[in-house]
C-alpha atoms as a PDB file:
ATOM      1  CA  MET A   1     -73.459-141.680  17.060  1.00  0.00           C
ATOM      2  CA  MET A   2     -75.692-142.837  14.227  1.00  0.00           C
ATOM      3  CA  ARG A   3     -74.850-141.867  10.751  1.00  0.00           C
ATOM      4  CA  GLY A   4     -77.263-141.065   7.908  1.00  0.00           C
ATOM      5  CA  GLY A   5     -78.782-144.546   7.386  1.00  0.00           C
ATOM      6  CA  GLY A   6     -80.074-144.943  10.955  1.00  0.00           C
ATOM      7  CA  MET A   7     -82.963-142.473  10.694  1.00  0.00           C
ATOM      8  CA  GLY A   8     -83.950-143.705   7.237  1.00  0.00           C
ATOM      9  CA  ASN A   9     -84.202-147.276   8.538  1.00  0.00           C
ATOM     10  CA  MET A  10     -86.296-146.103  11.481  1.00  0.00           C
ATOM     11  CA  GLN A  11     -88.725-144.252   9.191  1.00  0.00           C
ATOM     12  CA  LYS A  12     -88.944-147.266   6.892  1.00  0.00           C
ATOM     13  CA  MET A  13     -89.672-149.504   9.860  1.00  0.00           C
ATOM     14  CA  MET A  14     -92.366-147.113  11.134  1.00  0.00           C
ATOM     15  CA  LYS A  15     -94.033-147.091   7.699  1.00  0.00           C
ATOM     16  CA  GLN A  16     -94.002-150.898   7.642  1.00  0.00           C
ATOM     17  CA  MET A  17     -95.575-150.996  11.118  1.00  0.00           C
ATOM     18  CA  GLN A  18     -98.302-148.545  10.049  1.00  0.00           C
ATOM     19  CA  LYS A  19     -99.051-150.648   6.971  1.00  0.00           C
ATOM     20  CA  MET A  20     -99.179-153.795   9.084  1.00  0.00           C
ATOM     21  CA  GLN A  21    -101.589-152.126  11.558  1.00  0.00           C
ATOM     22  CA  LYS A  22    -103.813-151.064   8.663  1.00  0.00           C
ATOM     23  CA  ASP A  23    -103.727-154.578   7.178  1.00  0.00           C
ATOM     24  CA  MET A  24    -104.504-156.110  10.591  1.00  0.00           C
ATOM     25  CA  ALA A  25    -107.494-153.790  11.072  1.00  0.00           C
ATOM     26  CA  LYS A  26    -108.787-154.747   7.614  1.00  0.00           C
ATOM     27  CA  ALA A  27    -108.332-158.465   8.350  1.00  0.00           C
ATOM     28  CA  GLN A  28    -110.174-158.105  11.683  1.00  0.00           C
ATOM     29  CA  GLU A  29    -113.017-156.303   9.924  1.00  0.00           C
ATOM     30  CA  GLU A  30    -113.248-159.057   7.303  1.00  0.00           C
ATOM     31  CA  LEU A  31    -113.198-161.684  10.064  1.00  0.00           C
ATOM     32  CA  SER A  32    -116.139-160.050  11.803  1.00  0.00           C
ATOM     33  CA  ASP A  33    -118.219-160.627   8.647  1.00  0.00           C
ATOM     34  CA  LYS A  34    -117.429-164.355   8.516  1.00  0.00           C
ATOM     35  CA  THR A  35    -119.469-167.149  10.030  1.00  0.00           C
ATOM     36  CA  VAL A  36    -118.638-170.757  10.859  1.00  0.00           C
ATOM     37  CA  GLU A  37    -120.863-173.716  11.533  1.00  0.00           C
ATOM     38  CA  GLY A  38    -120.388-176.230  14.311  1.00  0.00           C
ATOM     39  CA  THR A  39    -122.306-179.495  14.324  1.00  0.00           C
ATOM     40  CA  ALA A  40    -122.963-182.425  16.623  1.00  0.00           C
ATOM     41  CA  GLY A  41    -124.842-185.687  16.379  1.00  0.00           C
ATOM     42  CA  GLY A  42    -124.068-186.060  12.681  1.00  0.00           C
ATOM     43  CA  GLY A  43    -125.707-182.738  11.857  1.00  0.00           C
ATOM     44  CA  MET A  44    -128.669-183.140  14.205  1.00  0.00           C
ATOM     45  CA  VAL A  45    -127.661-179.894  15.929  1.00  0.00           C
ATOM     46  CA  THR A  46    -125.994-176.988  14.130  1.00  0.00           C
ATOM     47  CA  VAL A  47    -124.699-173.802  15.728  1.00  0.00           C
ATOM     48  CA  ILE A  48    -123.547-170.805  13.676  1.00  0.00           C
ATOM     49  CA  VAL A  49    -121.055-168.333  15.156  1.00  0.00           C
ATOM     50  CA  ASN A  50    -119.973-164.989  13.705  1.00  0.00           C
ATOM     51  CA  GLY A  51    -116.530-163.368  13.738  1.00  0.00           C
ATOM     52  CA  GLN A  52    -117.218-161.688  17.074  1.00  0.00           C
ATOM     53  CA  LYS A  53    -117.737-165.183  18.510  1.00  0.00           C
ATOM     54  CA  GLU A  54    -121.453-164.564  18.987  1.00  0.00           C
ATOM     55  CA  ILE A  55    -123.912-167.397  18.405  1.00  0.00           C
ATOM     56  CA  ILE A  56    -126.216-166.187  15.658  1.00  0.00           C
ATOM     57  CA  ASP A  57    -128.233-169.318  14.937  1.00  0.00           C
ATOM     58  CA  VAL A  58    -129.068-172.701  16.411  1.00  0.00           C
ATOM     59  CA  LYS A  59    -130.763-175.393  14.333  1.00  0.00           C
ATOM     60  CA  ILE A  60    -132.126-178.575  15.869  1.00  0.00           C
ATOM     61  CA  LYS A  61    -133.536-181.389  13.733  1.00  0.00           C
ATOM     62  CA  GLU A  62    -136.921-182.586  14.911  1.00  0.00           C
ATOM     63  CA  ASP A  63    -135.775-186.227  15.225  1.00  0.00           C
ATOM     64  CA  VAL A  64    -133.404-185.382  18.075  1.00  0.00           C
ATOM     65  CA  VAL A  65    -136.075-183.711  20.228  1.00  0.00           C
ATOM     66  CA  ASP A  66    -137.059-186.327  22.791  1.00  0.00           C
ATOM     67  CA  PRO A  67    -138.869-185.085  25.916  1.00  0.00           C
ATOM     68  CA  GLU A  68    -137.612-188.216  27.675  1.00  0.00           C
ATOM     69  CA  ASP A  69    -133.968-187.373  26.946  1.00  0.00           C
ATOM     70  CA  ILE A  70    -133.452-183.612  27.285  1.00  0.00           C
ATOM     71  CA  GLU A  71    -129.922-184.268  28.567  1.00  0.00           C
ATOM     72  CA  MET A  72    -128.790-185.694  25.217  1.00  0.00           C
ATOM     73  CA  LEU A  73    -130.138-182.634  23.386  1.00  0.00           C
ATOM     74  CA  GLN A  74    -128.340-180.335  25.834  1.00  0.00           C
ATOM     75  CA  ASP A  75    -125.096-182.267  25.254  1.00  0.00           C
ATOM     76  CA  LEU A  76    -125.509-181.987  21.471  1.00  0.00           C
ATOM     77  CA  VAL A  77    -126.132-178.215  21.664  1.00  0.00           C
ATOM     78  CA  LEU A  78    -123.089-177.835  23.904  1.00  0.00           C
ATOM     79  CA  ALA A  79    -120.903-179.933  21.570  1.00  0.00           C
ATOM     80  CA  ALA A  80    -122.065-178.047  18.453  1.00  0.00           C
ATOM     81  CA  THR A  81    -121.454-174.699  20.170  1.00  0.00           C
ATOM     82  CA  ASN A  82    -117.951-175.687  21.230  1.00  0.00           C
ATOM     83  CA  ASP A  83    -117.257-177.003  17.712  1.00  0.00           C
ATOM     84  CA  ALA A  84    -118.332-173.681  16.159  1.00  0.00           C
ATOM     85  CA  LEU A  85    -116.338-171.609  18.655  1.00  0.00           C
ATOM     86  CA  LYS A  86    -113.220-173.748  18.053  1.00  0.00           C
ATOM     87  CA  LYS A  87    -113.571-173.332  14.274  1.00  0.00           C
ATOM     88  CA  MET A  88    -113.878-169.550  14.650  1.00  0.00           C
ATOM     89  CA  GLU A  89    -110.868-169.485  16.982  1.00  0.00           C
ATOM     90  CA  ASP A  90    -108.836-171.455  14.404  1.00  0.00           C
ATOM     91  CA  LEU A  91    -109.974-169.133  11.601  1.00  0.00           C
ATOM     92  CA  THR A  92    -109.047-166.090  13.697  1.00  0.00           C
ATOM     93  CA  ASN A  93    -105.628-167.539  14.546  1.00  0.00           C
ATOM     94  CA  ASP A  94    -104.952-168.436  10.900  1.00  0.00           C
ATOM     95  CA  THR A  95    -106.010-164.990   9.691  1.00  0.00           C
ATOM     96  CA  MET A  96    -104.294-162.896  12.338  1.00  0.00           C
ATOM     97  CA  GLY A  97    -101.286-165.205  12.710  1.00  0.00           C
ATOM     98  CA  GLN A  98     -99.947-164.094   9.345  1.00  0.00           C
ATOM     99  CA  PHE A  99     -99.138-160.705  10.914  1.00  0.00           C
ATOM    100  CA  THR A 100     -97.189-162.044  13.856  1.00  0.00           C
ATOM    101  CA  LYS A 101     -95.266-164.845  12.128  1.00  0.00           C
ATOM    102  CA  GLY A 102     -91.584-164.650  12.970  1.00  0.00           C
ATOM    103  CA  MET A 103     -92.028-161.672  15.316  1.00  0.00           C
ATOM    104  CA  ASN A 104     -91.754-163.698  18.537  1.00  0.00           C
ATOM    105  CA  LEU A 105     -94.372-161.573  20.295  1.00  0.00           C
ATOM    106  CA  PRO A 106     -95.475-162.616  23.780  1.00  0.00           C
ATOM    107  CA  PHE A 107     -99.245-163.081  24.203  1.00  0.00           C
END
């Protein structure tokens, strides 16, 4: 049988979990307002991604547009998009990882 302290510890733990859930929701909300920029070709192509991992802008410098080499432009857009998505993934992991540090949660 548990004595006095057991229930108090459980309530304290529940309060900590509720606070953590609230903090996580706030962090996710803040993340959704952030944007990151991925580039390729030394800045010839830039792709901007928001916190929901949606592409919100693509910028292509005029110099890289060559009707004879559409494949290179496609590769640059692809590389810039992947760069932006990777940066957002890293930002998300850094931001949300602070809540799961040391918890050994399976994902």
